[in-house]
Structures are given as C-alpha cells and as structure tokens.
C-alpha cells in the first residue's frame, strides 16, 4: 500500500547518535512537556491542547507528503528524546519503524480515531461500493476530516498529557474542551451547509475523504487509492470518465500537494472542471488557509460549489 522508505532501523545507529550528541535537549524546556508528532493534524491538535505547557515538534515538514516521509537519523533521535511521540500506526511506515526505538514514549491515536472505514484500492478508485465495500485489510487513516473523530483524538491527547503532567492536568482538559467545542461548531456548519446538494458523488484525487464523505452523506469516488502515488490503470481511468459522464458530475477535485495532471486529464475528457480539495496532511503557502479550521472551511466552500449545494 504505502511506499515503505525507512532509513533508520537499528538501535545501534540510535545509540551512536546519542553518544555523539549526549547533551539532553530536554534541559532547554525544563518547564514544558516535549512532544514530537508525526504529521500536521496531530501537531495542531497537540498544540491546541498542550498550550504553553507543551513544546511540539513535527516530523513531517511543511509541503512534504506525509505518506512518503523518510526519517533522518536526527529525526529518529529527536523522537526518542521527546517525552512523547504521538503518531498514527500504519500511516507512515518510517514512523512505525522508529516507534520500535521509542516504545515507552510512543502514543498511537488509532483507537481514539475510530478507524472503522475500510480502504478500497482496487484499480485505484471506487465505483459504487464506497469505501465500506471492500476491506483488503487496510483502514482509511484520514480521521481528522471528520471533526467528531478529530475531537476524540484531542481528548485522548489531553488525557495523555494530564497523566504525564498532573500539575497542569486541568489546563489540558480545559484546552481540549475549548478545542472540541470549535470542532463541534465546525461539524454543525458543515452538516448544515452540505445537507442539500444536487450531486453526492465526490470525485477526489486520492482516497482520503472517506470519513468526510461518511459524515456528510457523500459517496467518495477516488482517482487513486489511499496513497497519492498510486497510478490507476488506463481501464480504470476510462471507467471513471464514463462514470462522471453518466452521473453528470461537474467537478473533479485535485489536491495541493499532488500534481494535478491526471485530474486535469479526467476533467477534460469527461467535461468536468477541476477544483481543489485539501486532505490537510500539511500546511504550506499554497494552502487555502493557515490552519486546520480555515482549510476545512475552504473545503466546505469548494464542495458547496462543486456539488451544487444550497
């Protein structure tokens, strides 16, 4: 499924790095809990919950595809020295590998995220069965595109921090309450604004929007599979174009971090137009907003227009 690109696999290298740089970086933040997160949504949630009491660093750099993350030895050392490594198992193979070196401090959000939608990567896209229809052993990891699941993860992070730093436990829980209240407001906005639409098929770049589609009553039809690198066959592309024409679908959604050539081709050959829908796996200057909430509302606006919602 995901491309496995692991650069650090042995504890020997980690020990060597530690020996070369034995200064304890935690001394720089004696009054804070240090947390390393594996990609943007976890970074953002941890920052909102942790507030001033937590120092957060992120392994996936802005503009990089988190699926393709290759950890440097320095990053593995960074993760091992943090008080906590917060990650999503199965999403980034190199992080899963690094967890073997940081098991005592690693916190997997999978259970809190309720990953219960199966991923279908057959021929790179889905026609009619939806993301629920074909379970090949993988679950869609993109839980944060459903604000209610994202809120559950934020609560779990708050409890992790509260247990580790009981002196500030009430602050963490209060921050989580405020953050989840914002997510509840966002969810209600999306539910209202996307409730009446002329088209419920959501043609996306890769299969990242199953939870969004499930929450707001759309049917995801993806150009590629869970990995944006997946290349659909010519037959699958032709079938998708026929589906777009038959269902009179007006919009194909490309993504900010992925080349849009294939989406442009499908749109041209099917008579559709291309809009941008962001899976919020990272934030760059090209993102339609500076944080999760701004980008989600931009996604809302794109879907309202593209799906003919009123």
Protein backbone atom coordinates (compact mmCIF):
# COMPACT_ATOMS: atom_id res chain seq x y z
CA UNK A 1 0.00 0.00 0.00
CA UNK A 2 2.15 2.89 1.24
CA UNK A 3 5.65 3.12 -0.14
CA UNK A 4 7.98 1.85 2.56
CA UNK A 5 11.02 4.05 2.74
CA UNK A 6 12.86 3.55 6.00
CA UNK A 7 16.27 4.99 6.56
CA UNK A 8 16.81 4.08 10.19
CA UNK A 9 16.09 0.62 11.52
CA UNK A 10 18.73 -0.28 14.06
CA UNK A 11 19.16 0.64 17.68
CA UNK A 12 22.91 0.71 17.07
CA UNK A 13 22.62 3.84 14.97
CA UNK A 14 20.41 5.47 17.56
CA UNK A 15 22.93 4.67 20.29
CA UNK A 16 25.74 6.05 18.16
CA UNK A 17 23.86 9.28 17.59
CA UNK A 18 23.12 9.59 21.28
CA UNK A 19 26.80 9.16 22.06
CA UNK A 20 27.74 11.85 19.53
CA UNK A 21 25.26 14.34 20.96
CA UNK A 22 24.87 13.49 24.59
CA UNK A 23 23.53 16.90 25.68
CA UNK A 24 19.96 16.39 26.88
CA UNK A 25 17.75 18.69 24.78
CA UNK A 26 15.01 18.44 27.41
CA UNK A 27 17.08 20.82 29.54
CA UNK A 28 16.15 23.56 27.10
CA UNK A 29 12.49 23.12 28.05
CA UNK A 30 12.63 22.16 31.73
CA UNK A 31 9.19 23.61 32.43
CA UNK A 32 7.44 22.07 29.42
CA UNK A 33 6.50 18.63 28.19
CA UNK A 34 8.26 17.85 24.90
CA UNK A 35 6.17 16.15 22.24
CA UNK A 36 7.10 15.02 18.76
CA UNK A 37 4.21 14.43 16.36
CA UNK A 38 4.33 12.57 13.08
CA UNK A 39 2.24 14.85 10.81
CA UNK A 40 0.29 18.11 10.82
CA UNK A 41 -3.17 17.21 12.23
CA UNK A 42 -1.53 15.60 15.27
CA UNK A 43 0.80 18.57 15.66
CA UNK A 44 -2.09 21.04 15.52
CA UNK A 45 -4.26 19.13 17.98
CA UNK A 46 -1.34 18.75 20.42
CA UNK A 47 -0.55 22.47 20.22
CA UNK A 48 -4.17 23.39 20.90
CA UNK A 49 -4.47 21.01 23.84
CA UNK A 50 -0.99 21.49 25.30
CA UNK A 51 -0.87 25.27 25.07
CA UNK A 52 2.00 26.93 26.88
CA UNK A 53 2.91 23.82 28.81
CA UNK A 54 3.97 21.75 25.79
CA UNK A 55 6.80 22.12 23.26
CA UNK A 56 5.70 20.47 20.00
CA UNK A 57 7.88 19.50 17.03
CA UNK A 58 6.70 17.74 13.90
CA UNK A 59 8.47 15.06 11.85
CA UNK A 60 6.75 15.88 8.53
CA UNK A 61 7.96 19.18 7.13
CA UNK A 62 5.52 21.66 5.52
CA UNK A 63 4.93 20.81 1.87
CA UNK A 64 6.05 17.19 2.22
CA UNK A 65 3.72 14.26 1.57
CA UNK A 66 3.37 12.52 4.97
CA UNK A 67 2.79 9.15 3.25
CA UNK A 68 6.30 9.36 1.81
CA UNK A 69 8.12 10.51 4.93
CA UNK A 70 11.67 9.23 5.25
CA UNK A 71 13.11 9.85 8.70
CA UNK A 72 16.67 11.06 9.04
CA UNK A 73 18.83 9.79 11.89
CA UNK A 74 18.47 13.21 13.52
CA UNK A 75 14.67 12.93 13.44
CA UNK A 76 14.73 9.47 14.99
CA UNK A 77 16.95 10.85 17.75
CA UNK A 78 14.55 13.78 18.20
CA UNK A 79 11.61 11.41 18.56
CA UNK A 80 13.49 9.22 21.03
CA UNK A 81 14.39 12.17 23.28
CA UNK A 82 10.88 13.65 23.44
CA UNK A 83 8.65 12.94 26.41
CA UNK A 84 6.05 11.64 23.93
CA UNK A 85 5.89 10.62 20.28
CA UNK A 86 2.29 10.97 19.06
CA UNK A 87 1.61 9.10 15.84
CA UNK A 88 -0.93 7.09 13.84
CA UNK A 89 0.13 3.49 13.30
CA UNK A 90 0.03 2.22 9.73
CA UNK A 91 0.04 5.68 8.18
CA UNK A 92 3.79 6.34 7.88
CA UNK A 93 5.98 3.23 7.68
CA UNK A 94 9.16 5.04 8.68
CA UNK A 95 7.49 6.33 11.84
CA UNK A 96 6.21 2.84 12.65
CA UNK A 97 9.79 1.66 12.38
CA UNK A 98 11.07 4.45 14.63
CA UNK A 99 8.48 3.50 17.24
CA UNK A 100 10.42 0.30 17.82
CA UNK A 101 13.13 2.56 19.30
CA UNK A 102 10.71 4.71 21.35
CA UNK A 103 8.03 2.28 22.51
CA UNK A 104 7.88 3.60 26.07
CA UNK A 105 7.02 7.14 24.95
CA UNK A 106 5.04 6.40 21.76
CA UNK A 107 1.29 7.11 21.78
CA UNK A 108 -0.80 5.68 18.93
CA UNK A 109 -4.06 7.60 18.33
CA UNK A 110 -5.62 4.85 16.19
CA UNK A 111 -8.06 3.60 18.80
CA UNK A 112 -9.32 7.09 19.67
CA UNK A 113 -9.66 7.94 15.98
CA UNK A 114 -12.16 5.12 15.42
CA UNK A 115 -10.65 3.90 12.15
CA UNK A 116 -13.62 1.82 11.05
CA UNK A 117 -13.85 2.57 7.32
CA UNK A 118 -12.11 0.06 5.09
CA UNK A 119 -9.88 1.29 2.29
CA UNK A 120 -10.57 0.08 -1.22
CA UNK A 121 -7.58 0.41 -3.54
CA UNK A 122 -8.80 -1.95 -6.25
CA UNK A 123 -7.84 -0.42 -9.61
CA UNK A 124 -7.08 2.82 -7.82
CA UNK A 125 -10.66 4.00 -7.39
CA UNK A 126 -14.14 3.04 -6.34
CA UNK A 127 -17.32 2.65 -8.39
CA UNK A 128 -20.50 2.11 -6.44
CA UNK A 129 -19.36 0.14 -3.40
CA UNK A 130 -17.92 3.09 -1.50
CA UNK A 131 -15.07 2.91 0.92
CA UNK A 132 -17.07 0.48 3.04
CA UNK A 133 -17.38 -2.10 0.32
CA UNK A 134 -14.00 -3.82 0.03
CA UNK A 135 -11.87 -4.47 3.07
CA UNK A 136 -8.41 -5.56 1.92
CA UNK A 137 -7.04 -5.34 5.47
CA UNK A 138 -6.39 -1.58 5.42
CA UNK A 139 -8.38 1.16 7.10
CA UNK A 140 -8.61 4.72 5.86
CA UNK A 141 -6.37 6.71 8.23
CA UNK A 142 -7.66 10.23 7.40
CA UNK A 143 -9.85 10.54 10.52
CA UNK A 144 -9.27 14.30 11.01
CA UNK A 145 -11.51 15.11 8.02
CA UNK A 146 -14.40 14.14 10.30
CA UNK A 147 -14.29 16.77 13.09
CA UNK A 148 -16.03 14.44 15.56
CA UNK A 149 -13.26 11.84 15.27
CA UNK A 150 -10.64 14.57 15.47
CA UNK A 151 -12.26 15.77 18.70
CA UNK A 152 -11.98 12.28 20.20
CA UNK A 153 -8.26 12.24 19.41
CA UNK A 154 -7.82 15.66 21.02
CA UNK A 155 -9.48 14.37 24.20
CA UNK A 156 -7.15 11.36 24.21
CA UNK A 157 -4.11 13.64 23.85
CA UNK A 158 -5.38 15.75 26.75
CA UNK A 159 -5.59 12.69 28.98
CA UNK A 160 -2.10 11.58 27.94
CA UNK A 161 -0.66 14.98 28.89
CA UNK A 162 -2.72 15.21 32.08
CA UNK A 163 -1.40 11.87 33.28
CA UNK A 164 2.20 12.80 32.48
CA UNK A 165 1.97 16.34 33.89
CA UNK A 166 -0.71 16.30 36.63
CA UNK A 167 0.23 19.81 37.79
CA UNK A 168 -1.35 21.16 34.59
CA UNK A 169 -4.00 18.49 34.06
CA UNK A 170 -6.90 20.91 34.38
CA UNK A 171 -5.35 23.23 31.80
CA UNK A 172 -5.01 20.37 29.31
CA UNK A 173 -8.60 19.29 29.84
CA UNK A 174 -9.89 22.86 29.58
CA UNK A 175 -7.92 23.41 26.37
CA UNK A 176 -9.33 20.20 24.95
CA UNK A 177 -12.85 21.27 25.86
CA UNK A 178 -12.37 24.58 24.05
CA UNK A 179 -10.84 22.89 21.02
CA UNK A 180 -13.53 20.23 20.75
CA UNK A 181 -16.20 22.94 21.08
CA UNK A 182 -14.70 24.61 18.00
CA UNK A 183 -14.75 21.27 16.21
CA UNK A 184 -18.40 20.78 17.16
CA UNK A 185 -19.25 24.20 15.72
CA UNK A 186 -17.38 23.32 12.53
CA UNK A 187 -19.17 19.99 12.26
CA UNK A 188 -22.55 21.68 12.60
CA UNK A 189 -21.63 24.23 9.93
CA UNK A 190 -20.59 21.50 7.52
CA UNK A 191 -23.65 19.43 8.22
CA UNK A 192 -25.95 22.37 7.55
CA UNK A 193 -24.14 23.77 4.52
CA UNK A 194 -23.71 20.39 2.79
CA UNK A 195 -27.09 18.84 3.56
CA UNK A 196 -28.83 19.70 0.27
CA UNK A 197 -26.65 19.13 -2.80
CA UNK A 198 -27.51 18.18 -6.37
CA UNK A 199 -24.59 15.72 -6.62
CA UNK A 200 -23.49 13.31 -3.86
CA UNK A 201 -20.58 11.64 -5.74
CA UNK A 202 -17.33 13.25 -4.57
CA UNK A 203 -14.58 12.59 -7.14
CA UNK A 204 -11.30 13.09 -5.26
CA UNK A 205 -7.63 12.87 -6.11
CA UNK A 206 -6.81 10.04 -3.72
CA UNK A 207 -8.98 8.10 -1.31
CA UNK A 208 -8.51 10.49 1.62
CA UNK A 209 -12.08 11.65 2.08
CA UNK A 210 -13.98 8.56 3.22
CA UNK A 211 -14.62 9.91 6.72
CA UNK A 212 -15.63 13.31 5.36
CA UNK A 213 -17.95 11.61 2.88
CA UNK A 214 -19.38 9.31 5.52
CA UNK A 215 -20.05 12.15 7.94
CA UNK A 216 -21.72 14.45 5.41
CA UNK A 217 -23.53 11.91 3.25
CA UNK A 218 -21.34 11.87 0.14
CA UNK A 219 -20.03 8.91 -1.84
CA UNK A 220 -16.28 9.08 -2.42
CA UNK A 221 -15.06 8.15 -5.91
CA UNK A 222 -11.28 8.41 -5.94
CA UNK A 223 -8.87 8.71 -8.86
CA UNK A 224 -6.12 6.82 -6.99
CA UNK A 225 -6.09 4.73 -3.82
CA UNK A 226 -5.05 5.59 -0.27
CA UNK A 227 -1.58 6.56 -1.45
CA UNK A 228 -1.46 9.61 -3.74
CA UNK A 229 1.40 7.85 -5.58
CA UNK A 230 -0.88 5.03 -6.75
CA UNK A 231 -1.37 5.01 -10.51
CA UNK A 232 -4.74 3.81 -11.78
CA UNK A 233 -4.78 1.68 -14.90
CA UNK A 234 -5.96 3.02 -18.26
CA UNK A 235 -9.07 0.87 -17.96
CA UNK A 236 -9.83 2.29 -14.52
CA UNK A 237 -9.42 5.85 -15.79
CA UNK A 238 -11.73 5.15 -18.74
CA UNK A 239 -14.30 3.63 -16.40
CA UNK A 240 -14.11 6.66 -14.12
CA UNK A 241 -14.58 9.04 -17.05
CA UNK A 242 -17.64 7.07 -18.14
CA UNK A 243 -18.98 7.24 -14.59
CA UNK A 244 -18.53 11.02 -14.45
CA UNK A 245 -20.35 11.44 -17.76
CA UNK A 246 -23.17 9.05 -16.84
CA UNK A 247 -23.81 10.70 -13.47
CA UNK A 248 -23.40 14.23 -14.86
CA UNK A 249 -20.69 15.01 -12.29
CA UNK A 250 -19.46 18.55 -12.74
CA UNK A 251 -16.32 18.63 -10.58
CA UNK A 252 -13.14 16.61 -10.09
CA UNK A 253 -11.10 17.58 -7.03
CA UNK A 254 -7.31 17.88 -7.13
CA UNK A 255 -5.04 18.35 -4.09
CA UNK A 256 -2.45 20.99 -3.17
CA UNK A 257 0.46 18.58 -2.54
CA UNK A 258 -0.15 16.30 -5.53
CA UNK A 259 0.40 17.10 -9.24
CA UNK A 260 -2.99 17.72 -10.86
CA UNK A 261 -2.16 16.42 -14.36
CA UNK A 262 -4.33 13.32 -14.03
CA UNK A 263 -7.25 15.26 -12.57
CA UNK A 264 -6.96 17.76 -15.44
CA UNK A 265 -7.00 14.95 -18.00
CA UNK A 266 -10.02 13.24 -16.44
CA UNK A 267 -11.89 16.53 -16.20
CA UNK A 268 -11.10 17.45 -19.81
CA UNK A 269 -12.17 14.08 -21.19
CA UNK A 270 -15.33 13.93 -19.09
CA UNK A 271 -16.45 17.53 -19.47
CA UNK A 272 -15.97 18.31 -15.76
CA UNK A 273 -14.00 21.13 -14.17
CA UNK A 274 -11.21 20.88 -11.57
CA UNK A 275 -11.41 22.35 -8.05
CA UNK A 276 -9.10 21.88 -5.06
CA UNK A 277 -9.98 19.80 -2.02
CA UNK A 278 -7.32 19.65 0.65
CA UNK A 279 -6.82 16.50 2.78
CA UNK A 280 -4.96 18.74 5.27
CA UNK A 281 -1.97 16.45 5.58
CA UNK A 282 0.25 19.53 5.74
CA UNK A 283 0.02 23.31 5.52
CA UNK A 284 2.03 25.39 3.06
CA UNK A 285 1.82 28.85 1.48
CA UNK A 286 -0.31 27.24 -1.23
CA UNK A 287 -2.90 26.04 1.30
CA UNK A 288 -6.24 27.84 1.32
CA UNK A 289 -5.82 28.83 4.94
CA UNK A 290 -3.26 28.99 7.72
CA UNK A 291 -4.64 26.23 9.96
CA UNK A 292 -7.00 23.28 10.13
CA UNK A 293 -10.18 25.30 10.63
CA UNK A 294 -9.51 27.73 7.79
CA UNK A 295 -8.70 24.92 5.37
CA UNK A 296 -11.74 22.86 6.39
CA UNK A 297 -13.99 25.87 5.74
CA UNK A 298 -12.28 26.38 2.39
CA UNK A 299 -13.02 22.71 1.63
CA UNK A 300 -16.63 23.36 2.64
CA UNK A 301 -16.86 26.23 0.17
CA UNK A 302 -15.28 24.16 -2.62
CA UNK A 303 -17.70 21.28 -2.05
CA UNK A 304 -20.72 23.58 -1.86
CA UNK A 305 -19.87 24.98 -5.27
CA UNK A 306 -18.65 21.76 -6.85
CA UNK A 307 -21.55 19.61 -5.64
CA UNK A 308 -24.27 22.18 -6.24
CA UNK A 309 -25.23 22.60 -2.58
CA UNK A 310 -27.67 25.19 -1.35
